[in-house]
Amino acid sequence: EIEQWLIKTRTESRESSGLRSAIDYCLKFWTGLTKF
């Protein structure tokens, strides 16, 4: 659910916005975030 939310919301967010930056942080470290 989180992954789908991140991908969907990213497409709706403004480039260089704080929201886009927060989403990109999660996607950048997605492999490490899901190792658990």
Full PDB file with SEQRES, HELIX, SHEET, SSBOND, CRYST1, ORIGX, SCALE, CONECT and MASTER records, all heavy atoms in Angstrom:
SEQRES   1 A   36  GLU ILE GLU GLN TRP LEU ILE LYS THR ARG THR GLU SER          
SEQRES   2 A   36  ARG GLU SER SER GLY LEU ARG SER ALA ILE ASP TYR CYS          
SEQRES   3 A   36  LEU LYS PHE TRP THR GLY LEU THR LYS PHE                      
HELIX    1 AA1 ILE A    2  GLU A   12  1                                  11    
HELIX    2 AA2 GLY A   18  LYS A   28  1                                  11    
HELIX    3 AA3 TRP A   30  LEU A   33  1                                   4    
CRYST1    1.000    1.000    1.000  90.00  90.00  90.00 P 1           1          
ORIGX1      1.000000  0.000000  0.000000        0.00000                         
ORIGX2      0.000000  1.000000  0.000000        0.00000                         
ORIGX3      0.000000  0.000000  1.000000        0.00000                         
SCALE1      1.000000  0.000000  0.000000        0.00000                         
SCALE2      0.000000  1.000000  0.000000        0.00000                         
SCALE3      0.000000  0.000000  1.000000        0.00000                         
ATOM      1  N   GLU A   1       0.833  -1.209   0.000  1.00  0.00           N  
ATOM      2  CA  GLU A   1       0.000   0.000   0.000  1.00  0.00           C  
ATOM      3  C   GLU A   1       0.865   1.255   0.000  1.00  0.00           C  
ATOM      4  O   GLU A   1       0.580   2.236  -0.715  1.00  0.00           O  
ATOM      5  CB  GLU A   1      -0.913   0.016   1.230  1.00  0.00           C  
ATOM      6  CG  GLU A   1      -2.070  -0.961   1.191  1.00  0.00           C  
ATOM      7  CD  GLU A   1      -2.977  -0.803   2.409  1.00  0.00           C  
ATOM      8  OE1 GLU A   1      -3.449   0.330   2.649  1.00  0.00           O  
ATOM      9  OE2 GLU A   1      -3.174  -1.798   3.132  1.00  0.00           O  
ATOM     10  N   ILE A   2       1.917   1.234   0.823  1.00  0.00           N  
ATOM     11  CA  ILE A   2       2.813   2.390   0.904  1.00  0.00           C  
ATOM     12  C   ILE A   2       3.498   2.638  -0.437  1.00  0.00           C  
ATOM     13  O   ILE A   2       3.579   3.774  -0.916  1.00  0.00           O  
ATOM     14  CB  ILE A   2       3.866   2.183   2.015  1.00  0.00           C  
ATOM     15  CG1 ILE A   2       3.197   2.213   3.391  1.00  0.00           C  
ATOM     16  CG2 ILE A   2       4.957   3.254   1.930  1.00  0.00           C  
ATOM     17  CD1 ILE A   2       4.130   1.893   4.542  1.00  0.00           C  
ATOM     18  N   GLU A   3       3.965   1.559  -1.063  1.00  0.00           N  
ATOM     19  CA  GLU A   3       4.650   1.711  -2.352  1.00  0.00           C  
ATOM     20  C   GLU A   3       3.710   2.300  -3.398  1.00  0.00           C  
ATOM     21  O   GLU A   3       4.092   3.217  -4.155  1.00  0.00           O  
ATOM     22  CB  GLU A   3       5.185   0.365  -2.820  1.00  0.00           C  
ATOM     23  CG  GLU A   3       5.999   0.478  -4.101  1.00  0.00           C  
ATOM     24  CD  GLU A   3       6.611  -0.846  -4.509  1.00  0.00           C  
ATOM     25  OE1 GLU A   3       6.067  -1.908  -4.141  1.00  0.00           O  
ATOM     26  OE2 GLU A   3       7.631  -0.812  -5.222  1.00  0.00           O  
ATOM     27  N   GLN A   4       2.485   1.801  -3.449  1.00  0.00           N  
ATOM     28  CA  GLN A   4       1.503   2.321  -4.406  1.00  0.00           C  
ATOM     29  C   GLN A   4       1.200   3.787  -4.124  1.00  0.00           C  
ATOM     30  O   GLN A   4       1.081   4.607  -5.046  1.00  0.00           O  
ATOM     31  CB  GLN A   4       0.220   1.488  -4.343  1.00  0.00           C  
ATOM     32  CG  GLN A   4       0.382   0.072  -4.857  1.00  0.00           C  
ATOM     33  CD  GLN A   4      -0.825  -0.804  -4.577  1.00  0.00           C  
ATOM     34  OE1 GLN A   4      -1.911  -0.315  -4.255  1.00  0.00           O  
ATOM     35  NE2 GLN A   4      -0.651  -2.116  -4.685  1.00  0.00           N  
ATOM     36  N   TRP A   5       1.096   4.127  -2.834  1.00  0.00           N  
ATOM     37  CA  TRP A   5       0.822   5.517  -2.449  1.00  0.00           C  
ATOM     38  C   TRP A   5       1.974   6.429  -2.888  1.00  0.00           C  
ATOM     39  O   TRP A   5       1.745   7.509  -3.435  1.00  0.00           O  
ATOM     40  CB  TRP A   5       0.622   5.618  -0.944  1.00  0.00           C  
ATOM     41  CG  TRP A   5       0.212   6.986  -0.479  1.00  0.00           C  
ATOM     42  CD1 TRP A   5      -1.059   7.448  -0.266  1.00  0.00           C  
ATOM     43  CD2 TRP A   5       1.089   8.092  -0.181  1.00  0.00           C  
ATOM     44  NE1 TRP A   5      -1.034   8.761   0.132  1.00  0.00           N  
ATOM     45  CE2 TRP A   5       0.270   9.186   0.189  1.00  0.00           C  
ATOM     46  CE3 TRP A   5       2.468   8.264  -0.200  1.00  0.00           C  
ATOM     47  CZ2 TRP A   5       0.793  10.428   0.551  1.00  0.00           C  
ATOM     48  CZ3 TRP A   5       3.002   9.501   0.144  1.00  0.00           C  
ATOM     49  CH2 TRP A   5       2.172  10.566   0.520  1.00  0.00           C  
ATOM     50  N   LEU A   6       3.191   5.989  -2.657  1.00  0.00           N  
ATOM     51  CA  LEU A   6       4.362   6.795  -3.017  1.00  0.00           C  
ATOM     52  C   LEU A   6       4.415   7.059  -4.521  1.00  0.00           C  
ATOM     53  O   LEU A   6       4.641   8.193  -4.959  1.00  0.00           O  
ATOM     54  CB  LEU A   6       5.643   6.088  -2.568  1.00  0.00           C  
ATOM     55  CG  LEU A   6       5.895   5.979  -1.062  1.00  0.00           C  
ATOM     56  CD1 LEU A   6       7.073   5.048  -0.791  1.00  0.00           C  
ATOM     57  CD2 LEU A   6       6.141   7.344  -0.436  1.00  0.00           C  
ATOM     58  N   ILE A   7       4.198   6.014  -5.301  1.00  0.00           N  
ATOM     59  CA  ILE A   7       4.283   6.152  -6.758  1.00  0.00           C  
ATOM     60  C   ILE A   7       3.159   7.051  -7.282  1.00  0.00           C  
ATOM     61  O   ILE A   7       3.399   7.947  -8.100  1.00  0.00           O  
ATOM     62  CB  ILE A   7       4.222   4.761  -7.421  1.00  0.00           C  
ATOM     63  CG1 ILE A   7       5.479   3.955  -7.051  1.00  0.00           C  
ATOM     64  CG2 ILE A   7       4.104   4.894  -8.938  1.00  0.00           C  
ATOM     65  CD1 ILE A   7       5.435   2.505  -7.484  1.00  0.00           C  
ATOM     66  N   LYS A   8       1.943   6.815  -6.798  1.00  0.00           N  
ATOM     67  CA  LYS A   8       0.794   7.602  -7.255  1.00  0.00           C  
ATOM     68  C   LYS A   8       0.928   9.067  -6.847  1.00  0.00           C  
ATOM     69  O   LYS A   8       0.729   9.975  -7.666  1.00  0.00           O  
ATOM     70  CB  LYS A   8      -0.502   7.023  -6.678  1.00  0.00           C  
ATOM     71  CG  LYS A   8      -1.760   7.799  -7.049  1.00  0.00           C  
ATOM     72  CD  LYS A   8      -2.988   7.115  -6.477  1.00  0.00           C  
ATOM     73  CE  LYS A   8      -4.249   7.881  -6.866  1.00  0.00           C  
ATOM     74  NZ  LYS A   8      -4.298   9.234  -6.280  1.00  0.00           N  
ATOM     75  N   THR A   9       1.272   9.302  -5.583  1.00  0.00           N  
ATOM     76  CA  THR A   9       1.347  10.671  -5.078  1.00  0.00           C  
ATOM     77  C   THR A   9       2.509  11.423  -5.714  1.00  0.00           C  
ATOM     78  O   THR A   9       2.433  12.647  -5.903  1.00  0.00           O  
ATOM     79  CB  THR A   9       1.493  10.666  -3.544  1.00  0.00           C  
ATOM     80  OG1 THR A   9       0.441   9.873  -2.972  1.00  0.00           O  
ATOM     81  CG2 THR A   9       1.392  12.072  -2.977  1.00  0.00           C  
ATOM     82  N   ARG A  10       3.559  10.716  -6.049  1.00  0.00           N  
ATOM     83  CA  ARG A  10       4.696  11.376  -6.699  1.00  0.00           C  
ATOM     84  C   ARG A  10       4.289  11.976  -8.036  1.00  0.00           C  
ATOM     85  O   ARG A  10       4.702  13.091  -8.385  1.00  0.00           O  
ATOM     86  CB  ARG A  10       5.855  10.400  -6.897  1.00  0.00           C  
ATOM     87  CG  ARG A  10       7.135  11.071  -7.372  1.00  0.00           C  
ATOM     88  CD  ARG A  10       8.250  10.073  -7.619  1.00  0.00           C  
ATOM     89  NE  ARG A  10       9.516  10.766  -7.827  1.00  0.00           N  
ATOM     90  CZ  ARG A  10       9.878  11.342  -8.973  1.00  0.00           C  
ATOM     91  NH1 ARG A  10       9.050  11.303 -10.022  1.00  0.00           N  
ATOM     92  NH2 ARG A  10      11.045  11.953  -9.080  1.00  0.00           N  
ATOM     93  N   THR A  11       3.493  11.237  -8.792  1.00  0.00           N  
ATOM     94  CA  THR A  11       3.061  11.746 -10.101  1.00  0.00           C  
ATOM     95  C   THR A  11       2.168  12.973  -9.965  1.00  0.00           C  
ATOM     96  O   THR A  11       2.068  13.785 -10.894  1.00  0.00           O  
ATOM     97  CB  THR A  11       2.295  10.665 -10.883  1.00  0.00           C  
ATOM     98  OG1 THR A  11       1.103  10.309 -10.171  1.00  0.00           O  
ATOM     99  CG2 THR A  11       3.148   9.419 -11.072  1.00  0.00           C  
ATOM    100  N   GLU A  12       1.528  13.120  -8.802  1.00  0.00           N  
ATOM    101  CA  GLU A  12       0.624  14.249  -8.578  1.00  0.00           C  
ATOM    102  C   GLU A  12       1.306  15.421  -7.881  1.00  0.00           C  
ATOM    103  O   GLU A  12       0.723  16.494  -7.752  1.00  0.00           O  
ATOM    104  CB  GLU A  12      -0.570  13.787  -7.726  1.00  0.00           C  
ATOM    105  CG  GLU A  12      -1.377  12.658  -8.383  1.00  0.00           C  
ATOM    106  CD  GLU A  12      -2.375  12.035  -7.431  1.00  0.00           C  
ATOM    107  OE1 GLU A  12      -2.304  12.364  -6.214  1.00  0.00           O  
ATOM    108  OE2 GLU A  12      -3.205  11.227  -7.879  1.00  0.00           O  
ATOM    109  N   SER A  13       2.543  15.214  -7.421  1.00  0.00           N  
ATOM    110  CA  SER A  13       3.239  16.256  -6.662  1.00  0.00           C  
ATOM    111  C   SER A  13       4.013  17.186  -7.586  1.00  0.00           C  
ATOM    112  O   SER A  13       4.358  16.834  -8.717  1.00  0.00           O  
ATOM    113  CB  SER A  13       4.198  15.627  -5.649  1.00  0.00           C  
ATOM    114  OG  SER A  13       5.236  14.929  -6.316  1.00  0.00           O  
ATOM    115  N   ARG A  14       4.294  18.349  -7.081  1.00  0.00           N  
ATOM    116  CA  ARG A  14       5.032  19.339  -7.856  1.00  0.00           C  
ATOM    117  C   ARG A  14       6.531  19.051  -7.775  1.00  0.00           C  
ATOM    118  O   ARG A  14       7.058  18.736  -6.725  1.00  0.00           O  
ATOM    119  CB  ARG A  14       4.724  20.733  -7.321  1.00  0.00           C  
ATOM    120  CG  ARG A  14       5.425  21.871  -8.035  1.00  0.00           C  
ATOM    121  CD  ARG A  14       4.886  23.213  -7.553  1.00  0.00           C  
ATOM    122  NE  ARG A  14       4.925  23.318  -6.106  1.00  0.00           N  
ATOM    123  CZ  ARG A  14       5.996  23.703  -5.421  1.00  0.00           C  
ATOM    124  NH1 ARG A  14       7.117  23.988  -6.054  1.00  0.00           N  
ATOM    125  NH2 ARG A  14       5.948  23.795  -4.105  1.00  0.00           N  
ATOM    126  N   GLU A  15       7.191  19.172  -8.896  1.00  0.00           N  
ATOM    127  CA  GLU A  15       8.637  18.944  -8.931  1.00  0.00           C  
ATOM    128  C   GLU A  15       9.352  19.939  -8.012  1.00  0.00           C  
ATOM    129  O   GLU A  15       8.975  21.106  -7.928  1.00  0.00           O  
ATOM    130  CB  GLU A  15       9.147  19.117 -10.358  1.00  0.00           C  
ATOM    131  CG  GLU A  15      10.592  18.690 -10.545  1.00  0.00           C  
ATOM    132  CD  GLU A  15      11.030  18.752 -11.995  1.00  0.00           C  
ATOM    133  OE1 GLU A  15      10.174  18.992 -12.866  1.00  0.00           O  
ATOM    134  OE2 GLU A  15      12.239  18.581 -12.234  1.00  0.00           O  
ATOM    135  N   SER A  16      10.365  19.466  -7.319  1.00  0.00           N  
ATOM    136  CA  SER A  16      11.159  20.265  -6.373  1.00  0.00           C  
ATOM    137  C   SER A  16      10.374  20.674  -5.123  1.00  0.00           C  
ATOM    138  O   SER A  16      10.839  21.500  -4.335  1.00  0.00           O  
ATOM    139  CB  SER A  16      11.712  21.533  -7.052  1.00  0.00           C  
ATOM    140  OG  SER A  16      12.520  21.188  -8.154  1.00  0.00           O  
ATOM    141  N   SER A  17       9.197  20.100  -4.914  1.00  0.00           N  
ATOM    142  CA  SER A  17       8.417  20.412  -3.714  1.00  0.00           C  
ATOM    143  C   SER A  17       8.906  19.592  -2.537  1.00  0.00           C  
ATOM    144  O   SER A  17       9.613  18.581  -2.696  1.00  0.00           O  
ATOM    145  CB  SER A  17       6.936  20.115  -3.955  1.00  0.00           C  
ATOM    146  OG  SER A  17       6.731  18.726  -4.151  1.00  0.00           O  
ATOM    147  N   GLY A  18       8.521  19.993  -1.342  1.00  0.00           N  
ATOM    148  CA  GLY A  18       8.881  19.239  -0.148  1.00  0.00           C  
ATOM    149  C   GLY A  18       8.283  17.853  -0.160  1.00  0.00           C  
ATOM    150  O   GLY A  18       8.909  16.886   0.300  1.00  0.00           O  
ATOM    151  N   LEU A  19       7.070  17.731  -0.698  1.00  0.00           N  
ATOM    152  CA  LEU A  19       6.412  16.423  -0.765  1.00  0.00           C  
ATOM    153  C   LEU A  19       7.162  15.503  -1.717  1.00  0.00           C  
ATOM    154  O   LEU A  19       7.386  14.331  -1.406  1.00  0.00           O  
ATOM    155  CB  LEU A  19       4.962  16.592  -1.216  1.00  0.00           C  
ATOM    156  CG  LEU A  19       4.132  15.311  -1.300  1.00  0.00           C  
ATOM    157  CD1 LEU A  19       4.063  14.620   0.057  1.00  0.00           C  
ATOM    158  CD2 LEU A  19       2.724  15.617  -1.817  1.00  0.00           C  
ATOM    159  N   ARG A  20       7.548  16.021  -2.871  1.00  0.00           N  
ATOM    160  CA  ARG A  20       8.303  15.212  -3.837  1.00  0.00           C  
ATOM    161  C   ARG A  20       9.628  14.750  -3.220  1.00  0.00           C  
ATOM    162  O   ARG A  20      10.047  13.601  -3.388  1.00  0.00           O  
ATOM    163  CB  ARG A  20       8.564  16.030  -5.107  1.00  0.00           C  
ATOM    164  CG  ARG A  20       9.458  15.362  -6.148  1.00  0.00           C  
ATOM    165  CD  ARG A  20       8.769  14.210  -6.863  1.00  0.00           C  
ATOM    166  NE  ARG A  20       7.694  14.682  -7.715  1.00  0.00           N  
ATOM    167  CZ  ARG A  20       7.831  15.039  -8.993  1.00  0.00           C  
ATOM    168  NH1 ARG A  20       9.026  14.996  -9.564  1.00  0.00           N  
ATOM    169  NH2 ARG A  20       6.789  15.420  -9.706  1.00  0.00           N  
ATOM    170  N   SER A  21      10.276  15.616  -2.479  1.00  0.00           N  
ATOM    171  CA  SER A  21      11.550  15.276  -1.848  1.00  0.00           C  
ATOM    172  C   SER A  21      11.373  14.162  -0.817  1.00  0.00           C  
ATOM    173  O   SER A  21      12.192  13.232  -0.748  1.00  0.00           O  
ATOM    174  CB  SER A  21      12.138  16.517  -1.172  1.00  0.00           C  
ATOM    175  OG  SER A  21      13.335  16.201  -0.502  1.00  0.00           O  
ATOM    176  N   ALA A  22      10.311  14.233  -0.012  1.00  0.00           N  
ATOM    177  CA  ALA A  22      10.052  13.208   1.003  1.00  0.00           C  
ATOM    178  C   ALA A  22       9.764  11.860   0.355  1.00  0.00           C  
ATOM    179  O   ALA A  22      10.231  10.808   0.820  1.00  0.00           O  
ATOM    180  CB  ALA A  22       8.883  13.634   1.886  1.00  0.00           C  
ATOM    181  N   ILE A  23       8.992  11.887  -0.721  1.00  0.00           N  
ATOM    182  CA  ILE A  23       8.666  10.654  -1.434  1.00  0.00           C  
ATOM    183  C   ILE A  23       9.925  10.052  -2.056  1.00  0.00           C  
ATOM    184  O   ILE A  23      10.162   8.843  -1.972  1.00  0.00           O  
ATOM    185  CB  ILE A  23       7.603  10.932  -2.520  1.00  0.00           C  
ATOM    186  CG1 ILE A  23       6.261  11.269  -1.864  1.00  0.00           C  
ATOM    187  CG2 ILE A  23       7.450   9.737  -3.454  1.00  0.00           C  
ATOM    188  CD1 ILE A  23       5.205  11.755  -2.831  1.00  0.00           C  
ATOM    189  N   ASP A  24      10.741  10.899  -2.666  1.00  0.00           N  
ATOM    190  CA  ASP A  24      11.972  10.411  -3.305  1.00  0.00           C  
ATOM    191  C   ASP A  24      12.942   9.814  -2.294  1.00  0.00           C  
ATOM    192  O   ASP A  24      13.699   8.889  -2.618  1.00  0.00           O  
ATOM    193  CB  ASP A  24      12.647  11.545  -4.072  1.00  0.00           C  
ATOM    194  CG  ASP A  24      11.933  11.863  -5.386  1.00  0.00           C  
ATOM    195  OD1 ASP A  24      11.071  11.051  -5.801  1.00  0.00           O  
ATOM    196  OD2 ASP A  24      12.213  12.921  -5.977  1.00  0.00           O  
ATOM    197  N   TYR A  25      12.932  10.345  -1.078  1.00  0.00           N  
ATOM    198  CA  TYR A  25      13.771   9.770  -0.021  1.00  0.00           C  
ATOM    199  C   TYR A  25      13.370   8.306   0.197  1.00  0.00           C  
ATOM    200  O   TYR A  25      14.231   7.414   0.256  1.00  0.00           O  
ATOM    201  CB  TYR A  25      13.603  10.562   1.274  1.00  0.00           C  
ATOM    202  CG  TYR A  25      14.377  10.003   2.453  1.00  0.00           C  
ATOM    203  CD1 TYR A  25      15.644  10.473   2.776  1.00  0.00           C  
ATOM    204  CD2 TYR A  25      13.832   8.990   3.249  1.00  0.00           C  
ATOM    205  CE1 TYR A  25      16.348   9.955   3.855  1.00  0.00           C  
ATOM    206  CE2 TYR A  25      14.534   8.464   4.323  1.00  0.00           C  
ATOM    207  CZ  TYR A  25      15.789   8.953   4.629  1.00  0.00           C  
ATOM    208  OH  TYR A  25      16.479   8.422   5.688  1.00  0.00           O  
ATOM    209  N   CYS A  26      12.090   8.058   0.322  1.00  0.00           N  
ATOM    210  CA  CYS A  26      11.608   6.689   0.563  1.00  0.00           C  
ATOM    211  C   CYS A  26      11.905   5.767  -0.614  1.00  0.00           C  
ATOM    212  O   CYS A  26      12.340   4.625  -0.432  1.00  0.00           O  
ATOM    213  CB  CYS A  26      10.107   6.705   0.835  1.00  0.00           C  
ATOM    214  SG  CYS A  26       9.643   7.549   2.360  1.00  0.00           S  
ATOM    215  N   LEU A  27      11.678   6.242  -1.817  1.00  0.00           N  
ATOM    216  CA  LEU A  27      11.917   5.425  -2.999  1.00  0.00           C  
ATOM    217  C   LEU A  27      13.410   5.143  -3.187  1.00  0.00           C  
ATOM    218  O   LEU A  27      13.797   4.049  -3.617  1.00  0.00           O  
ATOM    219  CB  LEU A  27      11.346   6.109  -4.229  1.00  0.00           C  
ATOM    220  CG  LEU A  27       9.812   6.234  -4.265  1.00  0.00           C  
ATOM    221  CD1 LEU A  27       9.369   7.024  -5.486  1.00  0.00           C  
ATOM    222  CD2 LEU A  27       9.151   4.852  -4.246  1.00  0.00           C  
ATOM    223  N   LYS A  28      14.233   6.106  -2.856  1.00  0.00           N  
ATOM    224  CA  LYS A  28      15.685   5.926  -2.974  1.00  0.00           C  
ATOM    225  C   LYS A  28      16.178   4.795  -2.074  1.00  0.00           C  
ATOM    226  O   LYS A  28      17.061   4.009  -2.464  1.00  0.00           O  
ATOM    227  CB  LYS A  28      16.400   7.229  -2.614  1.00  0.00           C  
ATOM    228  CG  LYS A  28      17.916   7.133  -2.645  1.00  0.00           C  
ATOM    229  CD  LYS A  28      18.559   8.464  -2.266  1.00  0.00           C  
ATOM    230  CE  LYS A  28      20.081   8.372  -2.278  1.00  0.00           C  
ATOM    231  NZ  LYS A  28      20.725   9.662  -1.906  1.00  0.00           N  
ATOM    232  N   PHE A  29      15.606   4.714  -0.871  1.00  0.00           N  
ATOM    233  CA  PHE A  29      16.050   3.697   0.094  1.00  0.00           C  
ATOM    234  C   PHE A  29      15.053   2.551   0.228  1.00  0.00           C  
ATOM    235  O   PHE A  29      15.041   1.850   1.241  1.00  0.00           O  
ATOM    236  CB  PHE A  29      16.284   4.356   1.456  1.00  0.00           C  
ATOM    237  CG  PHE A  29      17.350   5.415   1.449  1.00  0.00           C  
ATOM    238  CD1 PHE A  29      17.043   6.740   1.704  1.00  0.00           C  
ATOM    239  CD2 PHE A  29      18.662   5.086   1.159  1.00  0.00           C  
ATOM    240  CE1 PHE A  29      18.020   7.722   1.681  1.00  0.00           C  
ATOM    241  CE2 PHE A  29      19.659   6.049   1.134  1.00  0.00           C  
ATOM    242  CZ  PHE A  29      19.334   7.374   1.393  1.00  0.00           C  
ATOM    243  N   TRP A  30      14.222   2.350  -0.791  1.00  0.00           N  
ATOM    244  CA  TRP A  30      13.143   1.368  -0.709  1.00  0.00           C  
ATOM    245  C   TRP A  30      13.657  -0.047  -0.429  1.00  0.00           C  
ATOM    246  O   TRP A  30      13.074  -0.784   0.372  1.00  0.00           O  
ATOM    247  CB  TRP A  30      12.313   1.387  -1.991  1.00  0.00           C  
ATOM    248  CG  TRP A  30      11.057   0.579  -1.882  1.00  0.00           C  
ATOM    249  CD1 TRP A  30      10.754  -0.581  -2.533  1.00  0.00           C  
ATOM    250  CD2 TRP A  30       9.937   0.873  -1.045  1.00  0.00           C  
ATOM    251  NE1 TRP A  30       9.508  -1.031  -2.155  1.00  0.00           N  
ATOM    252  CE2 TRP A  30       8.986  -0.150  -1.240  1.00  0.00           C  
ATOM    253  CE3 TRP A  30       9.652   1.911  -0.146  1.00  0.00           C  
ATOM    254  CZ2 TRP A  30       7.766  -0.171  -0.572  1.00  0.00           C  
ATOM    255  CZ3 TRP A  30       8.432   1.887   0.530  1.00  0.00           C  
ATOM    256  CH2 TRP A  30       7.511   0.847   0.304  1.00  0.00           C  
ATOM    257  N   THR A  31      14.738  -0.426  -1.069  1.00  0.00           N  
ATOM    258  CA  THR A  31      15.290  -1.770  -0.835  1.00  0.00           C  
ATOM    259  C   THR A  31      15.644  -1.960   0.636  1.00  0.00           C  
ATOM    260  O   THR A  31      15.321  -2.983   1.250  1.00  0.00           O  
ATOM    261  CB  THR A  31      16.528  -2.005  -1.709  1.00  0.00           C  
ATOM    262  OG1 THR A  31      16.163  -1.908  -3.083  1.00  0.00           O  
ATOM    263  CG2 THR A  31      17.122  -3.388  -1.439  1.00  0.00           C  
ATOM    264  N   GLY A  32      16.316  -0.958   1.205  1.00  0.00           N  
ATOM    265  CA  GLY A  32      16.694  -1.043   2.617  1.00  0.00           C  
ATOM    266  C   GLY A  32      15.505  -0.956   3.552  1.00  0.00           C  
ATOM    267  O   GLY A  32      15.483  -1.590   4.618  1.00  0.00           O  
ATOM    268  N   LEU A  33      14.488  -0.205   3.162  1.00  0.00           N  
ATOM    269  CA  LEU A  33      13.297  -0.053   4.004  1.00  0.00           C  
ATOM    270  C   LEU A  33      12.459  -1.326   4.052  1.00  0.00           C  
ATOM    271  O   LEU A  33      11.681  -1.525   4.993  1.00  0.00           O  
ATOM    272  CB  LEU A  33      12.437   1.101   3.492  1.00  0.00           C  
ATOM    273  CG  LEU A  33      12.961   2.517   3.765  1.00  0.00           C  
ATOM    274  CD1 LEU A  33      12.156   3.551   2.988  1.00  0.00           C  
ATOM    275  CD2 LEU A  33      12.902   2.830   5.261  1.00  0.00           C  
ATOM    276  N   THR A  34      12.599  -2.178   3.062  1.00  0.00           N  
ATOM    277  CA  THR A  34      11.775  -3.393   3.004  1.00  0.00           C  
ATOM    278  C   THR A  34      12.537  -4.664   3.374  1.00  0.00           C  
ATOM    279  O   THR A  34      11.967  -5.754   3.354  1.00  0.00           O  
ATOM    280  CB  THR A  34      11.167  -3.561   1.603  1.00  0.00           C  
ATOM    281  OG1 THR A  34      12.212  -3.542   0.619  1.00  0.00           O  
ATOM    282  CG2 THR A  34      10.206  -2.421   1.298  1.00  0.00           C  
ATOM    283  N   LYS A  35      13.816  -4.534   3.723  1.00  0.00           N  
ATOM    284  CA  LYS A  35      14.612  -5.713   4.106  1.00  0.00           C  
ATOM    285  C   LYS A  35      14.028  -6.421   5.334  1.00  0.00           C  
ATOM    286  O   LYS A  35      14.187  -7.633   5.500  1.00  0.00           O  
ATOM    287  CB  LYS A  35      16.052  -5.281   4.412  1.00  0.00           C  
ATOM    288  CG  LYS A  35      16.902  -4.982   3.191  1.00  0.00           C  
ATOM    289  CD  LYS A  35      17.408  -6.249   2.544  1.00  0.00           C  
ATOM    290  CE  LYS A  35      18.223  -5.955   1.290  1.00  0.00           C  
ATOM    291  NZ  LYS A  35      19.493  -5.302   1.579  1.00  0.00           N  
ATOM    292  N   PHE A  36      13.356  -5.685   6.196  1.00  0.00           N  
ATOM    293  CA  PHE A  36      12.830  -6.271   7.435  1.00  0.00           C  
ATOM    294  C   PHE A  36      11.804  -7.363   7.180  1.00  0.00           C  
ATOM    295  O   PHE A  36      11.582  -8.233   8.024  1.00  0.00           O  
ATOM    296  CB  PHE A  36      12.211  -5.177   8.318  1.00  0.00           C  
ATOM    297  CG  PHE A  36      10.842  -4.731   7.895  1.00  0.00           C  
ATOM    298  CD1 PHE A  36       9.716  -5.266   8.502  1.00  0.00           C  
ATOM    299  CD2 PHE A  36      10.679  -3.780   6.892  1.00  0.00           C  
ATOM    300  CE1 PHE A  36       8.446  -4.859   8.114  1.00  0.00           C  
ATOM    301  CE2 PHE A  36       9.421  -3.363   6.511  1.00  0.00           C  
ATOM    302  CZ  PHE A  36       8.297  -3.907   7.110  1.00  0.00           C  
TER     303      PHE A  36                                                      
MASTER        0    0    0    3    0    0    0    6  302    1    0    3          
END                                                                             
